[in-house]
Amino acid sequence: MTTLHQEHPTHAHAHGPGCGHTEVAHGDHLDYAHDGHLHREHDGHWDECETTAHTPHDGHGHAHGEGCGHASVPHGDHLDYLHDGHRHAAHGDHYDDH
């Protein structure tokens, strides 16, 4: 999975425990869901934490949606669902890992 390094230059808010934004474990760091995208701390600034990969989650028999039991976070024009330590997003007839 390729992660873009795109700095978020006008980010004045410091994310952390209790900041009011959803924390999402992502590999070796935490992302924070904020204004429809995900931020991560990187070398004293905040980056957009987005991937360029299309990685289907094979064998996903669970349908995500309201009341499914998994937290949702806004991500661009859709919702991601936090599931098993990663984010799932509906894509056609399957879910992708984000």
C-alpha atoms as a PDB file:
ATOM      1  CA  MET A   1       0.000   0.000   0.000  1.00  0.00           C
ATOM      2  CA  THR A   2       1.511   3.318  -1.055  1.00  0.00           C
ATOM      3  CA  THR A   3       0.969   6.311   1.201  1.00  0.00           C
ATOM      4  CA  LEU A   4       1.240   9.805  -0.241  1.00  0.00           C
ATOM      5  CA  HIS A   5       3.279  12.450   1.571  1.00  0.00           C
ATOM      6  CA  GLN A   6       1.048  15.468   1.225  1.00  0.00           C
ATOM      7  CA  GLU A   7       1.562  18.040   3.934  1.00  0.00           C
ATOM      8  CA  HIS A   8      -1.505  19.749   5.368  1.00  0.00           C
ATOM      9  CA  PRO A   9       0.034  23.242   5.702  1.00  0.00           C
ATOM     10  CA  THR A  10      -2.844  25.153   7.305  1.00  0.00           C
ATOM     11  CA  HIS A  11      -3.485  22.676  10.094  1.00  0.00           C
ATOM     12  CA  ALA A  12      -3.431  24.663  13.343  1.00  0.00           C
ATOM     13  CA  HIS A  13      -5.200  22.021  15.470  1.00  0.00           C
ATOM     14  CA  ALA A  14      -3.029  19.609  17.476  1.00  0.00           C
ATOM     15  CA  HIS A  15      -4.530  16.129  17.457  1.00  0.00           C
ATOM     16  CA  GLY A  16      -4.191  13.846  20.430  1.00  0.00           C
ATOM     17  CA  PRO A  17      -6.186  12.013  23.077  1.00  0.00           C
ATOM     18  CA  GLY A  18      -9.356  13.934  23.839  1.00  0.00           C
ATOM     19  CA  CYS A  19      -9.072  16.337  20.885  1.00  0.00           C
ATOM     20  CA  GLY A  20     -12.549  15.386  19.670  1.00  0.00           C
ATOM     21  CA  HIS A  21     -11.547  13.626  16.451  1.00  0.00           C
ATOM     22  CA  THR A  22     -11.706   9.877  15.887  1.00  0.00           C
ATOM     23  CA  GLU A  23      -8.355   8.080  16.203  1.00  0.00           C
ATOM     24  CA  VAL A  24      -7.717   5.386  13.612  1.00  0.00           C
ATOM     25  CA  ALA A  25      -4.834   2.937  14.014  1.00  0.00           C
ATOM     26  CA  HIS A  26      -2.992   2.800  10.677  1.00  0.00           C
ATOM     27  CA  GLY A  27       0.127   0.667  10.474  1.00  0.00           C
ATOM     28  CA  ASP A  28       2.763   2.169  12.788  1.00  0.00           C
ATOM     29  CA  HIS A  29       0.900   5.419  13.562  1.00  0.00           C
ATOM     30  CA  LEU A  30      -2.469   6.959  14.389  1.00  0.00           C
ATOM     31  CA  ASP A  31      -4.589   8.858  11.902  1.00  0.00           C
ATOM     32  CA  TYR A  32      -7.170  11.413  13.011  1.00  0.00           C
ATOM     33  CA  ALA A  33     -10.413  11.790  11.056  1.00  0.00           C
ATOM     34  CA  HIS A  34     -10.888  15.513  10.474  1.00  0.00           C
ATOM     35  CA  ASP A  35     -13.037  17.353   7.922  1.00  0.00           C
ATOM     36  CA  GLY A  36     -13.551  14.273   5.729  1.00  0.00           C
ATOM     37  CA  HIS A  37      -9.928  13.221   5.502  1.00  0.00           C
ATOM     38  CA  LEU A  38      -7.267  11.639   7.674  1.00  0.00           C
ATOM     39  CA  HIS A  39      -4.294  13.410   9.226  1.00  0.00           C
ATOM     40  CA  ARG A  40      -1.130  11.961  10.713  1.00  0.00           C
ATOM     41  CA  GLU A  41       1.715  13.636  12.552  1.00  0.00           C
ATOM     42  CA  HIS A  42       4.988  13.588  10.618  1.00  0.00           C
ATOM     43  CA  ASP A  43       8.242  15.368  11.517  1.00  0.00           C
ATOM     44  CA  GLY A  44       6.580  18.266  13.327  1.00  0.00           C
ATOM     45  CA  HIS A  45       3.729  18.846  10.875  1.00  0.00           C
ATOM     46  CA  TRP A  46       0.519  17.117   9.796  1.00  0.00           C
ATOM     47  CA  ASP A  47       0.167  15.116   6.586  1.00  0.00           C
ATOM     48  CA  GLU A  48      -2.871  13.884   4.750  1.00  0.00           C
ATOM     49  CA  CYS A  49      -2.766  10.140   5.214  1.00  0.00           C
ATOM     50  CA  GLU A  50      -4.221   8.711   2.046  1.00  0.00           C
ATOM     51  CA  THR A  51      -3.313   5.671   0.011  1.00  0.00           C
ATOM     52  CA  THR A  52      -3.155   5.197  -3.742  1.00  0.00           C
ATOM     53  CA  ALA A  53      -3.718   1.449  -3.571  1.00  0.00           C
ATOM     54  CA  HIS A  54      -6.919  -0.411  -4.397  1.00  0.00           C
ATOM     55  CA  THR A  55      -6.762  -3.345  -2.001  1.00  0.00           C
ATOM     56  CA  PRO A  56      -9.909  -5.483  -1.909  1.00  0.00           C
ATOM     57  CA  HIS A  57     -10.667  -7.147   1.424  1.00  0.00           C
ATOM     58  CA  ASP A  58     -11.341 -10.726   0.345  1.00  0.00           C
ATOM     59  CA  GLY A  59     -13.833 -12.841   2.231  1.00  0.00           C
ATOM     60  CA  HIS A  60     -15.600  -9.958   3.936  1.00  0.00           C
ATOM     61  CA  GLY A  61     -19.050 -11.377   4.710  1.00  0.00           C
ATOM     62  CA  HIS A  62     -20.181  -8.546   6.971  1.00  0.00           C
ATOM     63  CA  ALA A  63     -22.196  -5.658   5.527  1.00  0.00           C
ATOM     64  CA  HIS A  64     -21.263  -2.307   7.054  1.00  0.00           C
ATOM     65  CA  GLY A  65     -23.875   0.343   7.659  1.00  0.00           C
ATOM     66  CA  GLU A  66     -25.848   2.125  10.340  1.00  0.00           C
ATOM     67  CA  GLY A  67     -26.071  -0.082  13.432  1.00  0.00           C
ATOM     68  CA  CYS A  68     -23.506  -2.663  12.213  1.00  0.00           C
ATOM     69  CA  GLY A  69     -21.449  -2.270  15.392  1.00  0.00           C
ATOM     70  CA  HIS A  70     -18.374  -0.703  13.789  1.00  0.00           C
ATOM     71  CA  ALA A  71     -17.443   2.955  14.098  1.00  0.00           C
ATOM     72  CA  SER A  72     -17.659   4.977  10.907  1.00  0.00           C
ATOM     73  CA  VAL A  73     -15.447   7.895   9.910  1.00  0.00           C
ATOM     74  CA  PRO A  74     -16.120  10.337   7.060  1.00  0.00           C
ATOM     75  CA  HIS A  75     -13.535   9.982   4.297  1.00  0.00           C
ATOM     76  CA  GLY A  76     -13.977  12.188   1.244  1.00  0.00           C
ATOM     77  CA  ASP A  77     -17.297  11.332  -0.403  1.00  0.00           C
ATOM     78  CA  HIS A  78     -17.959   8.126   1.575  1.00  0.00           C
ATOM     79  CA  LEU A  79     -17.745   6.515   5.016  1.00  0.00           C
ATOM     80  CA  ASP A  80     -15.005   4.157   6.112  1.00  0.00           C
ATOM     81  CA  TYR A  81     -15.754   1.608   8.814  1.00  0.00           C
ATOM     82  CA  LEU A  82     -13.166   0.710  11.465  1.00  0.00           C
ATOM     83  CA  HIS A  83     -12.882  -3.060  11.475  1.00  0.00           C
ATOM     84  CA  ASP A  84     -10.152  -5.419  12.695  1.00  0.00           C
ATOM     85  CA  GLY A  85      -7.513  -2.688  12.963  1.00  0.00           C
ATOM     86  CA  HIS A  86      -8.066  -1.123   9.548  1.00  0.00           C
ATOM     87  CA  ARG A  87     -10.654   0.832   7.582  1.00  0.00           C
ATOM     88  CA  HIS A  88     -13.111  -0.669   5.140  1.00  0.00           C
ATOM     89  CA  ALA A  89     -14.850   1.260   2.377  1.00  0.00           C
ATOM     90  CA  ALA A  90     -17.599  -0.094   0.139  1.00  0.00           C
ATOM     91  CA  HIS A  91     -16.443  -0.415  -3.469  1.00  0.00           C
ATOM     92  CA  GLY A  92     -18.788  -2.030  -5.960  1.00  0.00           C
ATOM     93  CA  ASP A  93     -19.665  -5.493  -4.672  1.00  0.00           C
ATOM     94  CA  HIS A  94     -16.794  -5.701  -2.138  1.00  0.00           C
ATOM     95  CA  TYR A  95     -14.969  -3.717   0.548  1.00  0.00           C
ATOM     96  CA  ASP A  96     -11.514  -2.204   0.172  1.00  0.00           C
ATOM     97  CA  ASP A  97      -8.910  -1.909   2.903  1.00  0.00           C
ATOM     98  CA  HIS A  98      -7.850   1.690   3.361  1.00  0.00           C
END
